[in-house]
């Protein structure tokens, strides 16, 4: 992405196995977007932000968070992980009603 000219400030990466994100795992995921846009206020609804969330399946309430992010912010979301708890087929089934899967890339 950097080689393609995307500014590093437009790329957000979080690994949910990082112990420093412990408070986020209990349903406080909304603070991610708040913190990002407090740092980069000029990006909100002006530039695409590329969000990479690794192992997000360990966070409580991640599905509504991703759905809201896709619906209310100008971003593309990439979900990655190593868990068989959430295969691409299961993710499609879980988020089917939200009609946003076209904007999410999943790599498990």
PDB file of N, CA and C in Angstrom:
ATOM      1  N   UNK A   1       0.821  -1.182   0.000  1.00  0.00           N
ATOM      2  CA  UNK A   1       0.000   0.000   0.000  1.00  0.00           C
ATOM      3  C   UNK A   1       0.872   1.256   0.000  1.00  0.00           C
ATOM      4  N   UNK A   2       1.928   1.213   0.784  1.00  0.00           N
ATOM      5  CA  UNK A   2       2.827   2.357   0.811  1.00  0.00           C
ATOM      6  C   UNK A   2       3.460   2.575  -0.556  1.00  0.00           C
ATOM      7  N   UNK A   3       3.848   1.481  -1.200  1.00  0.00           N
ATOM      8  CA  UNK A   3       4.443   1.580  -2.538  1.00  0.00           C
ATOM      9  C   UNK A   3       3.445   2.126  -3.557  1.00  0.00           C
ATOM     10  N   UNK A   4       2.159   1.936  -3.287  1.00  0.00           N
ATOM     11  CA  UNK A   4       1.119   2.431  -4.188  1.00  0.00           C
ATOM     12  C   UNK A   4       0.781   3.900  -3.906  1.00  0.00           C
ATOM     13  N   UNK A   5       1.463   4.489  -2.925  1.00  0.00           N
ATOM     14  CA  UNK A   5       1.255   5.900  -2.639  1.00  0.00           C
ATOM     15  C   UNK A   5       0.263   6.216  -1.540  1.00  0.00           C
ATOM     16  N   UNK A   6      -0.186   5.202  -0.825  1.00  0.00           N
ATOM     17  CA  UNK A   6      -1.112   5.443   0.291  1.00  0.00           C
ATOM     18  C   UNK A   6      -0.298   5.909   1.497  1.00  0.00           C
ATOM     19  N   UNK A   7      -0.698   7.020   2.077  1.00  0.00           N
ATOM     20  CA  UNK A   7       0.014   7.572   3.227  1.00  0.00           C
ATOM     21  C   UNK A   7      -0.068   6.624   4.413  1.00  0.00           C
ATOM     22  N   UNK A   8       1.033   6.505   5.151  1.00  0.00           N
ATOM     23  CA  UNK A   8       1.037   5.594   6.307  1.00  0.00           C
ATOM     24  C   UNK A   8       0.002   5.998   7.347  1.00  0.00           C
ATOM     25  N   UNK A   9      -0.363   7.270   7.398  1.00  0.00           N
ATOM     26  CA  UNK A   9      -1.380   7.728   8.339  1.00  0.00           C
ATOM     27  C   UNK A   9      -2.775   7.225   7.978  1.00  0.00           C
ATOM     28  N   UNK A  10      -2.941   6.736   6.756  1.00  0.00           N
ATOM     29  CA  UNK A  10      -4.229   6.210   6.311  1.00  0.00           C
ATOM     30  C   UNK A  10      -4.332   4.701   6.540  1.00  0.00           C
ATOM     31  N   UNK A  11      -3.344   4.132   7.197  1.00  0.00           N
ATOM     32  CA  UNK A  11      -3.334   2.694   7.462  1.00  0.00           C
ATOM     33  C   UNK A  11      -3.356   2.479   8.969  1.00  0.00           C
ATOM     34  N   UNK A  12      -4.386   1.778   9.417  1.00  0.00           N
ATOM     35  CA  UNK A  12      -4.549   1.473  10.840  1.00  0.00           C
ATOM     36  C   UNK A  12      -4.435  -0.040  11.010  1.00  0.00           C
ATOM     37  N   UNK A  13      -3.489  -0.491  11.833  1.00  0.00           N
ATOM     38  CA  UNK A  13      -3.308  -1.914  12.082  1.00  0.00           C
ATOM     39  C   UNK A  13      -3.387  -2.169  13.582  1.00  0.00           C
ATOM     40  N   UNK A  14      -4.220  -3.118  13.955  1.00  0.00           N
ATOM     41  CA  UNK A  14      -4.307  -3.546  15.354  1.00  0.00           C
ATOM     42  C   UNK A  14      -4.298  -5.062  15.421  1.00  0.00           C
ATOM     43  N   UNK A  15      -3.449  -5.613  16.292  1.00  0.00           N
ATOM     44  CA  UNK A  15      -3.425  -7.042  16.555  1.00  0.00           C
ATOM     45  C   UNK A  15      -4.079  -7.246  17.916  1.00  0.00           C
ATOM     46  N   UNK A  16      -5.217  -7.873  17.934  1.00  0.00           N
ATOM     47  CA  UNK A  16      -5.996  -8.031  19.159  1.00  0.00           C
ATOM     48  C   UNK A  16      -5.420  -9.058  20.120  1.00  0.00           C
ATOM     49  N   UNK A  17      -4.317  -9.718  19.759  1.00  0.00           N
ATOM     50  CA  UNK A  17      -3.616 -10.571  20.713  1.00  0.00           C
ATOM     51  C   UNK A  17      -2.607  -9.765  21.524  1.00  0.00           C
ATOM     52  N   UNK A  18      -2.453  -8.483  21.216  1.00  0.00           N
ATOM     53  CA  UNK A  18      -1.550  -7.606  21.960  1.00  0.00           C
ATOM     54  C   UNK A  18      -2.180  -7.311  23.323  1.00  0.00           C
ATOM     55  N   UNK A  19      -1.500  -7.665  24.379  1.00  0.00           N
ATOM     56  CA  UNK A  19      -2.057  -7.518  25.731  1.00  0.00           C
ATOM     57  C   UNK A  19      -2.387  -6.068  26.095  1.00  0.00           C
ATOM     58  N   UNK A  20      -1.771  -5.107  25.419  1.00  0.00           N
ATOM     59  CA  UNK A  20      -2.045  -3.696  25.713  1.00  0.00           C
ATOM     60  C   UNK A  20      -3.430  -3.268  25.251  1.00  0.00           C
ATOM     61  N   UNK A  21      -4.093  -4.090  24.469  1.00  0.00           N
ATOM     62  CA  UNK A  21      -5.441  -3.780  23.988  1.00  0.00           C
ATOM     63  C   UNK A  21      -6.511  -4.448  24.843  1.00  0.00           C
ATOM     64  N   UNK A  22      -6.145  -4.890  26.016  1.00  0.00           N
ATOM     65  CA  UNK A  22      -7.054  -5.631  26.888  1.00  0.00           C
ATOM     66  C   UNK A  22      -8.396  -4.974  27.119  1.00  0.00           C
ATOM     67  N   UNK A  23      -8.428  -3.672  27.332  1.00  0.00           N
ATOM     68  CA  UNK A  23      -9.695  -2.981  27.580  1.00  0.00           C
ATOM     69  C   UNK A  23     -10.610  -3.014  26.366  1.00  0.00           C
ATOM     70  N   UNK A  24     -10.038  -3.078  25.176  1.00  0.00           N
ATOM     71  CA  UNK A  24     -10.854  -3.121  23.961  1.00  0.00           C
ATOM     72  C   UNK A  24     -11.571  -4.462  23.801  1.00  0.00           C
ATOM     73  N   UNK A  25     -11.014  -5.502  24.368  1.00  0.00           N
ATOM     74  CA  UNK A  25     -11.557  -6.843  24.175  1.00  0.00           C
ATOM     75  C   UNK A  25     -12.913  -7.037  24.840  1.00  0.00           C
ATOM     76  N   UNK A  26     -13.274  -6.167  25.751  1.00  0.00           N
ATOM     77  CA  UNK A  26     -14.528  -6.315  26.475  1.00  0.00           C
ATOM     78  C   UNK A  26     -15.631  -5.404  25.955  1.00  0.00           C
ATOM     79  N   UNK A  27     -15.574  -5.065  24.687  1.00  0.00           N
ATOM     80  CA  UNK A  27     -16.668  -4.311  24.096  1.00  0.00           C
ATOM     81  C   UNK A  27     -16.440  -2.820  23.949  1.00  0.00           C
ATOM     82  N   UNK A  28     -15.230  -2.363  24.102  1.00  0.00           N
ATOM     83  CA  UNK A  28     -14.931  -0.936  23.971  1.00  0.00           C
ATOM     84  C   UNK A  28     -14.324  -0.603  22.609  1.00  0.00           C
ATOM     85  N   UNK A  29     -14.733  -1.293  21.581  1.00  0.00           N
ATOM     86  CA  UNK A  29     -14.121  -1.127  20.275  1.00  0.00           C
ATOM     87  C   UNK A  29     -14.375   0.241  19.644  1.00  0.00           C
ATOM     88  N   UNK A  30     -15.445   0.892  20.022  1.00  0.00           N
ATOM     89  CA  UNK A  30     -15.737   2.209  19.474  1.00  0.00           C
ATOM     90  C   UNK A  30     -14.639   3.220  19.723  1.00  0.00           C
ATOM     91  N   UNK A  31     -13.868   3.002  20.766  1.00  0.00           N
ATOM     92  CA  UNK A  31     -12.787   3.936  21.076  1.00  0.00           C
ATOM     93  C   UNK A  31     -11.661   3.878  20.047  1.00  0.00           C
ATOM     94  N   UNK A  32     -11.624   2.829  19.228  1.00  0.00           N
ATOM     95  CA  UNK A  32     -10.598   2.741  18.187  1.00  0.00           C
ATOM     96  C   UNK A  32     -10.766   3.873  17.182  1.00  0.00           C
ATOM     97  N   UNK A  33     -11.961   4.008  16.633  1.00  0.00           N
ATOM     98  CA  UNK A  33     -12.216   5.068  15.656  1.00  0.00           C
ATOM     99  C   UNK A  33     -12.069   6.437  16.305  1.00  0.00           C
ATOM    100  N   UNK A  34     -12.553   6.581  17.530  1.00  0.00           N
ATOM    101  CA  UNK A  34     -12.432   7.861  18.230  1.00  0.00           C
ATOM    102  C   UNK A  34     -10.964   8.260  18.390  1.00  0.00           C
ATOM    103  N   UNK A  35     -10.127   7.332  18.803  1.00  0.00           N
ATOM    104  CA  UNK A  35      -8.706   7.620  18.992  1.00  0.00           C
ATOM    105  C   UNK A  35      -8.028   7.945  17.659  1.00  0.00           C
ATOM    106  N   UNK A  36      -8.327   7.164  16.626  1.00  0.00           N
ATOM    107  CA  UNK A  36      -7.711   7.409  15.319  1.00  0.00           C
ATOM    108  C   UNK A  36      -8.074   8.797  14.808  1.00  0.00           C
ATOM    109  N   UNK A  37      -9.366   9.123  14.806  1.00  0.00           N
ATOM    110  CA  UNK A  37      -9.795  10.410  14.264  1.00  0.00           C
ATOM    111  C   UNK A  37      -9.443  11.586  15.177  1.00  0.00           C
ATOM    112  N   UNK A  38      -9.141  11.330  16.432  1.00  0.00           N
ATOM    113  CA  UNK A  38      -8.647  12.424  17.272  1.00  0.00           C
ATOM    114  C   UNK A  38      -7.212  12.776  16.884  1.00  0.00           C
ATOM    115  N   UNK A  39      -6.479  11.798  16.383  1.00  0.00           N
ATOM    116  CA  UNK A  39      -5.114  12.050  15.903  1.00  0.00           C
ATOM    117  C   UNK A  39      -5.097  12.634  14.494  1.00  0.00           C
ATOM    118  N   UNK A  40      -6.010  12.176  13.661  1.00  0.00           N
ATOM    119  CA  UNK A  40      -6.038  12.574  12.249  1.00  0.00           C
ATOM    120  C   UNK A  40      -7.424  13.122  11.895  1.00  0.00           C
ATOM    121  N   UNK A  41      -7.776  14.237  12.475  1.00  0.00           N
ATOM    122  CA  UNK A  41      -9.111  14.809  12.270  1.00  0.00           C
ATOM    123  C   UNK A  41      -9.394  15.130  10.813  1.00  0.00           C
ATOM    124  N   UNK A  42      -8.368  15.485  10.064  1.00  0.00           N
ATOM    125  CA  UNK A  42      -8.566  15.849   8.654  1.00  0.00           C
ATOM    126  C   UNK A  42      -8.940  14.657   7.772  1.00  0.00           C
ATOM    127  N   UNK A  43      -8.747  13.453   8.245  1.00  0.00           N
ATOM    128  CA  UNK A  43      -9.043  12.245   7.458  1.00  0.00           C
ATOM    129  C   UNK A  43     -10.527  11.861   7.511  1.00  0.00           C
ATOM    130  N   UNK A  44     -11.226  12.269   8.555  1.00  0.00           N
ATOM    131  CA  UNK A  44     -12.616  11.833   8.757  1.00  0.00           C
ATOM    132  C   UNK A  44     -13.497  12.249   7.581  1.00  0.00           C
ATOM    133  N   UNK A  45     -14.084  11.253   6.933  1.00  0.00           N
ATOM    134  CA  UNK A  45     -14.973  11.424   5.782  1.00  0.00           C
ATOM    135  C   UNK A  45     -14.327  12.151   4.605  1.00  0.00           C
ATOM    136  N   UNK A  46     -12.998  12.287   4.617  1.00  0.00           N
ATOM    137  CA  UNK A  46     -12.301  12.961   3.529  1.00  0.00           C
ATOM    138  C   UNK A  46     -11.403  12.007   2.748  1.00  0.00           C
ATOM    139  N   UNK A  47     -10.779  11.069   3.457  1.00  0.00           N
ATOM    140  CA  UNK A  47      -9.861  10.130   2.831  1.00  0.00           C
ATOM    141  C   UNK A  47     -10.184   8.718   3.298  1.00  0.00           C
ATOM    142  N   UNK A  48      -9.916   7.756   2.444  1.00  0.00           N
ATOM    143  CA  UNK A  48     -10.138   6.365   2.828  1.00  0.00           C
ATOM    144  C   UNK A  48      -9.073   5.941   3.833  1.00  0.00           C
ATOM    145  N   UNK A  49      -9.537   5.313   4.900  1.00  0.00           N
ATOM    146  CA  UNK A  49      -8.648   4.746   5.904  1.00  0.00           C
ATOM    147  C   UNK A  49      -8.718   3.233   5.745  1.00  0.00           C
ATOM    148  N   UNK A  50      -7.563   2.591   5.713  1.00  0.00           N
ATOM    149  CA  UNK A  50      -7.469   1.144   5.551  1.00  0.00           C
ATOM    150  C   UNK A  50      -7.228   0.532   6.922  1.00  0.00           C
ATOM    151  N   UNK A  51      -8.224  -0.185   7.431  1.00  0.00           N
ATOM    152  CA  UNK A  51      -8.183  -0.759   8.775  1.00  0.00           C
ATOM    153  C   UNK A  51      -7.869  -2.247   8.692  1.00  0.00           C
ATOM    154  N   UNK A  52      -6.771  -2.640   9.300  1.00  0.00           N
ATOM    155  CA  UNK A  52      -6.378  -4.040   9.381  1.00  0.00           C
ATOM    156  C   UNK A  52      -6.539  -4.478  10.825  1.00  0.00           C
ATOM    157  N   UNK A  53      -7.441  -5.423  11.049  1.00  0.00           N
ATOM    158  CA  UNK A  53      -7.702  -5.926  12.393  1.00  0.00           C
ATOM    159  C   UNK A  53      -7.334  -7.403  12.425  1.00  0.00           C
ATOM    160  N   UNK A  54      -6.236  -7.710  13.098  1.00  0.00           N
ATOM    161  CA  UNK A  54      -5.757  -9.088  13.196  1.00  0.00           C
ATOM    162  C   UNK A  54      -6.301  -9.715  14.469  1.00  0.00           C
ATOM    163  N   UNK A  55      -6.865 -10.900  14.336  1.00  0.00           N
ATOM    164  CA  UNK A  55      -7.428 -11.668  15.463  1.00  0.00           C
ATOM    165  C   UNK A  55      -8.578 -10.935  16.146  1.00  0.00           C
ATOM    166  N   UNK A  56      -9.356 -10.187  15.391  1.00  0.00           N
ATOM    167  CA  UNK A  56     -10.464  -9.412  15.970  1.00  0.00           C
ATOM    168  C   UNK A  56     -11.541 -10.320  16.575  1.00  0.00           C
ATOM    169  N   UNK A  57     -11.572 -11.577  16.188  1.00  0.00           N
ATOM    170  CA  UNK A  57     -12.602 -12.484  16.697  1.00  0.00           C
ATOM    171  C   UNK A  57     -12.504 -12.677  18.210  1.00  0.00           C
ATOM    172  N   UNK A  58     -11.390 -12.283  18.826  1.00  0.00           N
ATOM    173  CA  UNK A  58     -11.269 -12.427  20.279  1.00  0.00           C
ATOM    174  C   UNK A  58     -11.917 -11.264  21.032  1.00  0.00           C
ATOM    175  N   UNK A  59     -12.320 -10.223  20.313  1.00  0.00           N
ATOM    176  CA  UNK A  59     -12.932  -9.056  20.945  1.00  0.00           C
ATOM    177  C   UNK A  59     -14.453  -9.208  21.000  1.00  0.00           C
ATOM    178  N   UNK A  60     -15.021  -8.914  22.140  1.00  0.00           N
ATOM    179  CA  UNK A  60     -16.468  -8.985  22.337  1.00  0.00           C
ATOM    180  C   UNK A  60     -17.152  -7.901  21.506  1.00  0.00           C
ATOM    181  N   UNK A  61     -18.163  -8.273  20.752  1.00  0.00           N
ATOM    182  CA  UNK A  61     -18.946  -7.314  19.984  1.00  0.00           C
ATOM    183  C   UNK A  61     -18.256  -6.757  18.759  1.00  0.00           C
ATOM    184  N   UNK A  62     -17.336  -7.527  18.178  1.00  0.00           N
ATOM    185  CA  UNK A  62     -16.598  -7.005  17.033  1.00  0.00           C
ATOM    186  C   UNK A  62     -17.472  -6.850  15.789  1.00  0.00           C
ATOM    187  N   UNK A  63     -18.491  -7.711  15.616  1.00  0.00           N
ATOM    188  CA  UNK A  63     -19.312  -7.656  14.402  1.00  0.00           C
ATOM    189  C   UNK A  63     -20.059  -6.321  14.270  1.00  0.00           C
ATOM    190  N   UNK A  64     -20.784  -5.862  15.316  1.00  0.00           N
ATOM    191  CA  UNK A  64     -21.449  -4.565  15.191  1.00  0.00           C
ATOM    192  C   UNK A  64     -20.460  -3.417  15.026  1.00  0.00           C
ATOM    193  N   UNK A  65     -19.283  -3.541  15.641  1.00  0.00           N
ATOM    194  CA  UNK A  65     -18.269  -2.499  15.491  1.00  0.00           C
ATOM    195  C   UNK A  65     -17.830  -2.379  14.033  1.00  0.00           C
ATOM    196  N   UNK A  66     -17.517  -3.503  13.401  1.00  0.00           N
ATOM    197  CA  UNK A  66     -17.084  -3.484  12.001  1.00  0.00           C
ATOM    198  C   UNK A  66     -18.213  -2.979  11.108  1.00  0.00           C
ATOM    199  N   UNK A  67     -19.427  -3.423  11.379  1.00  0.00           N
ATOM    200  CA  UNK A  67     -20.574  -2.975  10.585  1.00  0.00           C
ATOM    201  C   UNK A  67     -20.754  -1.461  10.692  1.00  0.00           C
ATOM    202  N   UNK A  68     -20.670  -0.932  11.901  1.00  0.00           N
ATOM    203  CA  UNK A  68     -20.822   0.518  12.092  1.00  0.00           C
ATOM    204  C   UNK A  68     -19.684   1.283  11.432  1.00  0.00           C
ATOM    205  N   UNK A  69     -18.482   0.773  11.547  1.00  0.00           N
ATOM    206  CA  UNK A  69     -17.329   1.409  10.917  1.00  0.00           C
ATOM    207  C   UNK A  69     -17.516   1.499   9.406  1.00  0.00           C
ATOM    208  N   UNK A  70     -17.991   0.411   8.805  1.00  0.00           N
ATOM    209  CA  UNK A  70     -18.202   0.389   7.361  1.00  0.00           C
ATOM    210  C   UNK A  70     -19.350   1.304   6.947  1.00  0.00           C
ATOM    211  N   UNK A  71     -20.338   1.429   7.793  1.00  0.00           N
ATOM    212  CA  UNK A  71     -21.518   2.228   7.467  1.00  0.00           C
ATOM    213  C   UNK A  71     -21.297   3.723   7.691  1.00  0.00           C
ATOM    214  N   UNK A  72     -20.523   4.088   8.699  1.00  0.00           N
ATOM    215  CA  UNK A  72     -20.440   5.491   9.086  1.00  0.00           C
ATOM    216  C   UNK A  72     -19.114   6.178   8.744  1.00  0.00           C
ATOM    217  N   UNK A  73     -18.104   5.424   8.423  1.00  0.00           N
ATOM    218  CA  UNK A  73     -16.798   6.015   8.143  1.00  0.00           C
ATOM    219  C   UNK A  73     -16.355   5.665   6.724  1.00  0.00           C
ATOM    220  N   UNK A  74     -15.455   6.456   6.193  1.00  0.00           N
ATOM    221  CA  UNK A  74     -14.898   6.194   4.872  1.00  0.00           C
ATOM    222  C   UNK A  74     -13.666   5.317   5.064  1.00  0.00           C
ATOM    223  N   UNK A  75     -13.895   3.991   4.993  1.00  0.00           N
ATOM    224  CA  UNK A  75     -12.786   3.079   5.242  1.00  0.00           C
ATOM    225  C   UNK A  75     -13.005   1.747   4.536  1.00  0.00           C
ATOM    226  N   UNK A  76     -11.915   1.029   4.434  1.00  0.00           N
ATOM    227  CA  UNK A  76     -11.948  -0.361   3.990  1.00  0.00           C
ATOM    228  C   UNK A  76     -11.404  -1.191   5.137  1.00  0.00           C
ATOM    229  N   UNK A  77     -12.025  -2.326   5.403  1.00  0.00           N
ATOM    230  CA  UNK A  77     -11.650  -3.151   6.546  1.00  0.00           C
ATOM    231  C   UNK A  77     -11.109  -4.482   6.059  1.00  0.00           C
ATOM    232  N   UNK A  78      -9.987  -4.880   6.654  1.00  0.00           N
ATOM    233  CA  UNK A  78      -9.356  -6.159   6.368  1.00  0.00           C
ATOM    234  C   UNK A  78      -9.280  -6.925   7.684  1.00  0.00           C
ATOM    235  N   UNK A  79      -9.898  -8.096   7.729  1.00  0.00           N
ATOM    236  CA  UNK A  79      -9.899  -8.925   8.926  1.00  0.00           C
ATOM    237  C   UNK A  79      -8.981 -10.111   8.684  1.00  0.00           C
ATOM    238  N   UNK A  80      -8.025 -10.307   9.572  1.00  0.00           N
ATOM    239  CA  UNK A  80      -7.106 -11.425   9.438  1.00  0.00           C
ATOM    240  C   UNK A  80      -7.068 -12.195  10.741  1.00  0.00           C
ATOM    241  N   UNK A  81      -6.646 -13.421  10.669  1.00  0.00           N
ATOM    242  CA  UNK A  81      -6.546 -14.215  11.877  1.00  0.00           C
ATOM    243  C   UNK A  81      -6.087 -15.619  11.597  1.00  0.00           C
ATOM    244  N   UNK A  82      -5.854 -16.329  12.673  1.00  0.00           N
ATOM    245  CA  UNK A  82      -5.383 -17.700  12.562  1.00  0.00           C
ATOM    246  C   UNK A  82      -6.366 -18.683  13.164  1.00  0.00           C
ATOM    247  N   UNK A  83      -7.473 -18.185  13.653  1.00  0.00           N
ATOM    248  CA  UNK A  83      -8.426 -19.034  14.356  1.00  0.00           C
ATOM    249  C   UNK A  83      -9.394 -19.712  13.408  1.00  0.00           C
ATOM    250  N   UNK A  84      -9.646 -20.952  13.666  1.00  0.00           N
ATOM    251  CA  UNK A  84     -10.669 -21.649  12.883  1.00  0.00           C
ATOM    252  C   UNK A  84     -12.062 -21.335  13.430  1.00  0.00           C
ATOM    253  N   UNK A  85     -12.125 -20.551  14.531  1.00  0.00           N
ATOM    254  CA  UNK A  85     -13.424 -20.171  15.094  1.00  0.00           C
ATOM    255  C   UNK A  85     -14.239 -19.341  14.120  1.00  0.00           C
ATOM    256  N   UNK A  86     -13.566 -18.666  13.215  1.00  0.00           N
ATOM    257  CA  UNK A  86     -14.283 -17.771  12.326  1.00  0.00           C
ATOM    258  C   UNK A  86     -13.734 -17.891  10.906  1.00  0.00           C
ATOM    259  N   UNK A  87     -14.232 -18.853  10.198  1.00  0.00           N
ATOM    260  CA  UNK A  87     -13.848 -19.023   8.810  1.00  0.00           C
ATOM    261  C   UNK A  87     -14.624 -18.046   7.944  1.00  0.00           C
ATOM    262  N   UNK A  88     -14.131 -17.775   6.753  1.00  0.00           N
ATOM    263  CA  UNK A  88     -14.775 -16.812   5.851  1.00  0.00           C
ATOM    264  C   UNK A  88     -16.248 -17.128   5.646  1.00  0.00           C
ATOM    265  N   UNK A  89     -16.588 -18.411   5.518  1.00  0.00           N
ATOM    266  CA  UNK A  89     -17.983 -18.809   5.304  1.00  0.00           C
ATOM    267  C   UNK A  89     -18.845 -18.419   6.502  1.00  0.00           C
ATOM    268  N   UNK A  90     -18.320 -18.630   7.722  1.00  0.00           N
ATOM    269  CA  UNK A  90     -19.055 -18.268   8.925  1.00  0.00           C
ATOM    270  C   UNK A  90     -19.209 -16.761   9.037  1.00  0.00           C
ATOM    271  N   UNK A  91     -18.179 -16.013   8.664  1.00  0.00           N
ATOM    272  CA  UNK A  91     -18.252 -14.559   8.708  1.00  0.00           C
ATOM    273  C   UNK A  91     -19.323 -14.059   7.756  1.00  0.00           C
ATOM    274  N   UNK A  92     -19.370 -14.603   6.565  1.00  0.00           N
ATOM    275  CA  UNK A  92     -20.386 -14.196   5.597  1.00  0.00           C
ATOM    276  C   UNK A  92     -21.773 -14.463   6.150  1.00  0.00           C
ATOM    277  N   UNK A  93     -21.942 -15.590   6.816  1.00  0.00           N
ATOM    278  CA  UNK A  93     -23.227 -15.929   7.401  1.00  0.00           C
ATOM    279  C   UNK A  93     -23.583 -14.960   8.524  1.00  0.00           C
ATOM    280  N   UNK A  94     -22.620 -14.625   9.378  1.00  0.00           N
ATOM    281  CA  UNK A  94     -22.868 -13.743  10.511  1.00  0.00           C
ATOM    282  C   UNK A  94     -23.231 -12.332  10.071  1.00  0.00           C
ATOM    283  N   UNK A  95     -22.615 -11.853   9.016  1.00  0.00           N
ATOM    284  CA  UNK A  95     -22.793 -10.458   8.625  1.00  0.00           C
ATOM    285  C   UNK A  95     -23.697 -10.312   7.408  1.00  0.00           C
ATOM    286  N   UNK A  96     -24.368 -11.368   7.036  1.00  0.00           N
ATOM    287  CA  UNK A  96     -25.213 -11.374   5.838  1.00  0.00           C
ATOM    288  C   UNK A  96     -26.244 -10.264   5.844  1.00  0.00           C
ATOM    289  N   UNK A  97     -26.912 -10.023   6.973  1.00  0.00           N
ATOM    290  CA  UNK A  97     -27.967  -9.017   7.029  1.00  0.00           C
ATOM    291  C   UNK A  97     -27.431  -7.616   6.832  1.00  0.00           C
ATOM    292  N   UNK A  98     -26.183  -7.424   7.075  1.00  0.00           N
ATOM    293  CA  UNK A  98     -25.631  -6.079   7.047  1.00  0.00           C
ATOM    294  C   UNK A  98     -25.236  -5.634   5.646  1.00  0.00           C
ATOM    295  N   UNK A  99     -25.181  -6.535   4.698  1.00  0.00           N
ATOM    296  CA  UNK A  99     -24.908  -6.213   3.298  1.00  0.00           C
ATOM    297  C   UNK A  99     -23.657  -5.365   3.112  1.00  0.00           C
ATOM    298  N   UNK A 100     -22.599  -5.668   3.860  1.00  0.00           N
ATOM    299  CA  UNK A 100     -21.390  -4.877   3.712  1.00  0.00           C
ATOM    300  C   UNK A 100     -20.179  -5.729   3.351  1.00  0.00           C
ATOM    301  N   UNK A 101     -20.370  -7.010   3.161  1.00  0.00           N
ATOM    302  CA  UNK A 101     -19.237  -7.880   2.966  1.00  0.00           C
ATOM    303  C   UNK A 101     -18.394  -7.479   1.761  1.00  0.00           C
ATOM    304  N   UNK A 102     -18.968  -6.800   0.799  1.00  0.00           N
ATOM    305  CA  UNK A 102     -18.197  -6.362  -0.359  1.00  0.00           C
ATOM    306  C   UNK A 102     -17.082  -5.394   0.003  1.00  0.00           C
ATOM    307  N   UNK A 103     -17.152  -4.751   1.156  1.00  0.00           N
ATOM    308  CA  UNK A 103     -16.149  -3.806   1.590  1.00  0.00           C
ATOM    309  C   UNK A 103     -15.184  -4.387   2.613  1.00  0.00           C
ATOM    310  N   UNK A 104     -15.328  -5.658   2.898  1.00  0.00           N
ATOM    311  CA  UNK A 104     -14.474  -6.310   3.886  1.00  0.00           C
ATOM    312  C   UNK A 104     -13.698  -7.429   3.200  1.00  0.00           C
ATOM    313  N   UNK A 105     -12.409  -7.469   3.497  1.00  0.00           N
ATOM    314  CA  UNK A 105     -11.579  -8.585   3.047  1.00  0.00           C
ATOM    315  C   UNK A 105     -11.268  -9.434   4.252  1.00  0.00           C
ATOM    316  N   UNK A 106     -11.393 -10.744   4.115  1.00  0.00           N
ATOM    317  CA  UNK A 106     -11.207 -11.649   5.239  1.00  0.00           C
ATOM    318  C   UNK A 106     -10.120 -12.650   4.893  1.00  0.00           C
ATOM    319  N   UNK A 107      -9.157 -12.834   5.806  1.00  0.00           N
ATOM    320  CA  UNK A 107      -8.066 -13.777   5.619  1.00  0.00           C
ATOM    321  C   UNK A 107      -7.885 -14.567   6.895  1.00  0.00           C
ATOM    322  N   UNK A 108      -8.478 -15.776   6.966  1.00  0.00           N
ATOM    323  CA  UNK A 108      -8.294 -16.649   8.138  1.00  0.00           C
ATOM    324  C   UNK A 108      -7.639 -17.919   7.696  1.00  0.00           C
TER     325      UNK A 108
END
